[in-house]
Amino acid sequence: MADNIKEETVSLNTEFIRLDSLMKYAGIAETGGSAKLIIGEERIKVNGEICTQRGKKLYAGDIVDIDEIGLRLKITGK
């Protein structure tokens, strides 16, 4: 990723969060449908690998990169 990446931390109060829910929570997608489209365009990487699973479970320690907008989300626990 480039040097001008915006990093944000997302703290979980649960064991995991699904990728589409994370995108809505972080304001990347307004709806589950728009999250599905973005994920389907292969614009999302989870832990460095392209992810096309809308329901992918994310846990503390996972990193989600949205290359098109230069955003990195770091998932942390409580």
C-alpha atoms as a PDB file:
ATOM      1  CA  MET A   1       0.000   0.000   0.000  1.00  0.00           C
ATOM      2  CA  ALA A   2       1.078   3.565  -0.606  1.00  0.00           C
ATOM      3  CA  ASP A   3       2.367   5.940   2.057  1.00  0.00           C
ATOM      4  CA  ASN A   4      -0.789   8.089   1.992  1.00  0.00           C
ATOM      5  CA  ILE A   5      -2.976   5.407   3.533  1.00  0.00           C
ATOM      6  CA  LYS A   6      -5.497   6.428   6.151  1.00  0.00           C
ATOM      7  CA  GLU A   7      -5.529   3.937   9.025  1.00  0.00           C
ATOM      8  CA  GLU A   8      -8.431   3.478  11.397  1.00  0.00           C
ATOM      9  CA  THR A   9      -8.921   1.069  14.266  1.00  0.00           C
ATOM     10  CA  VAL A  10     -12.218  -0.737  14.745  1.00  0.00           C
ATOM     11  CA  SER A  11     -12.757  -2.190  18.215  1.00  0.00           C
ATOM     12  CA  LEU A  12     -14.992  -5.233  18.486  1.00  0.00           C
ATOM     13  CA  ASN A  13     -17.299  -5.859  21.414  1.00  0.00           C
ATOM     14  CA  THR A  14     -18.140  -9.277  19.972  1.00  0.00           C
ATOM     15  CA  GLU A  15     -16.085 -12.270  18.926  1.00  0.00           C
ATOM     16  CA  PHE A  16     -16.221 -11.299  15.233  1.00  0.00           C
ATOM     17  CA  ILE A  17     -17.819  -8.987  12.672  1.00  0.00           C
ATOM     18  CA  ARG A  18     -18.780  -9.895   9.121  1.00  0.00           C
ATOM     19  CA  LEU A  19     -17.064  -8.024   6.304  1.00  0.00           C
ATOM     20  CA  ASP A  20     -20.239  -6.421   4.939  1.00  0.00           C
ATOM     21  CA  SER A  21     -21.244  -5.288   8.440  1.00  0.00           C
ATOM     22  CA  LEU A  22     -17.785  -3.806   9.000  1.00  0.00           C
ATOM     23  CA  MET A  23     -18.075  -1.859   5.760  1.00  0.00           C
ATOM     24  CA  LYS A  24     -21.418  -0.404   6.829  1.00  0.00           C
ATOM     25  CA  TYR A  25     -20.131   0.345  10.348  1.00  0.00           C
ATOM     26  CA  ALA A  26     -17.033   2.111   8.970  1.00  0.00           C
ATOM     27  CA  GLY A  27     -19.093   4.140   6.482  1.00  0.00           C
ATOM     28  CA  ILE A  28     -17.557   2.517   3.408  1.00  0.00           C
ATOM     29  CA  ALA A  29     -20.934   1.197   2.242  1.00  0.00           C
ATOM     30  CA  GLU A  30     -24.395   2.542   3.044  1.00  0.00           C
ATOM     31  CA  THR A  31     -26.181  -0.781   2.575  1.00  0.00           C
ATOM     32  CA  GLY A  32     -25.452  -4.480   2.406  1.00  0.00           C
ATOM     33  CA  GLY A  33     -26.158  -4.319  -1.326  1.00  0.00           C
ATOM     34  CA  SER A  34     -23.541  -1.640  -1.932  1.00  0.00           C
ATOM     35  CA  ALA A  35     -21.058  -3.605   0.216  1.00  0.00           C
ATOM     36  CA  LYS A  36     -21.748  -6.670  -1.936  1.00  0.00           C
ATOM     37  CA  LEU A  37     -20.955  -4.696  -5.100  1.00  0.00           C
ATOM     38  CA  ILE A  38     -17.681  -3.319  -3.725  1.00  0.00           C
ATOM     39  CA  ILE A  39     -16.628  -6.764  -2.493  1.00  0.00           C
ATOM     40  CA  GLY A  40     -17.604  -8.321  -5.847  1.00  0.00           C
ATOM     41  CA  GLU A  41     -15.358  -5.822  -7.648  1.00  0.00           C
ATOM     42  CA  GLU A  42     -12.409  -7.355  -5.718  1.00  0.00           C
ATOM     43  CA  ARG A  43     -11.500  -4.002  -4.150  1.00  0.00           C
ATOM     44  CA  ILE A  44     -11.175  -5.402  -0.614  1.00  0.00           C
ATOM     45  CA  LYS A  45      -8.214  -7.252   0.842  1.00  0.00           C
ATOM     46  CA  VAL A  46      -8.321  -9.104   4.142  1.00  0.00           C
ATOM     47  CA  ASN A  47      -4.895  -9.763   5.615  1.00  0.00           C
ATOM     48  CA  GLY A  48      -3.277  -9.007   2.253  1.00  0.00           C
ATOM     49  CA  GLU A  49      -5.486 -11.265   0.104  1.00  0.00           C
ATOM     50  CA  ILE A  50      -8.408 -10.232  -2.089  1.00  0.00           C
ATOM     51  CA  CYS A  51     -11.649 -11.246  -0.410  1.00  0.00           C
ATOM     52  CA  THR A  52     -14.900 -11.836  -2.276  1.00  0.00           C
ATOM     53  CA  GLN A  53     -16.811 -13.318   0.673  1.00  0.00           C
ATOM     54  CA  ARG A  54     -19.352 -10.770   1.871  1.00  0.00           C
ATOM     55  CA  GLY A  55     -20.005 -12.772   5.050  1.00  0.00           C
ATOM     56  CA  LYS A  56     -16.312 -13.313   5.853  1.00  0.00           C
ATOM     57  CA  LYS A  57     -15.866 -13.317   9.617  1.00  0.00           C
ATOM     58  CA  LEU A  58     -13.254 -10.850  10.845  1.00  0.00           C
ATOM     59  CA  TYR A  59     -11.599 -11.218  14.222  1.00  0.00           C
ATOM     60  CA  ALA A  60      -9.260  -9.127  16.378  1.00  0.00           C
ATOM     61  CA  GLY A  61      -5.923  -8.901  14.577  1.00  0.00           C
ATOM     62  CA  ASP A  62      -7.377  -8.913  11.062  1.00  0.00           C
ATOM     63  CA  ILE A  63      -6.543  -6.067   8.683  1.00  0.00           C
ATOM     64  CA  VAL A  64      -8.886  -4.916   5.919  1.00  0.00           C
ATOM     65  CA  ASP A  65      -7.510  -2.785   3.077  1.00  0.00           C
ATOM     66  CA  ILE A  66      -9.707  -0.855   0.673  1.00  0.00           C
ATOM     67  CA  ASP A  67      -7.168   0.090  -1.981  1.00  0.00           C
ATOM     68  CA  GLU A  68      -9.465   2.267  -4.099  1.00  0.00           C
ATOM     69  CA  ILE A  69      -9.896   4.812  -1.301  1.00  0.00           C
ATOM     70  CA  GLY A  70      -6.622   4.194   0.544  1.00  0.00           C
ATOM     71  CA  LEU A  71      -8.143   3.039   3.822  1.00  0.00           C
ATOM     72  CA  ARG A  72      -6.816   0.376   6.200  1.00  0.00           C
ATOM     73  CA  LEU A  73      -9.004  -0.901   9.025  1.00  0.00           C
ATOM     74  CA  LYS A  74      -7.297  -2.694  11.911  1.00  0.00           C
ATOM     75  CA  ILE A  75      -9.601  -4.883  13.977  1.00  0.00           C
ATOM     76  CA  THR A  76      -8.968  -4.963  17.722  1.00  0.00           C
ATOM     77  CA  GLY A  77     -10.687  -6.662  20.630  1.00  0.00           C
ATOM     78  CA  LYS A  78     -12.411  -5.090  23.607  1.00  0.00           C
END
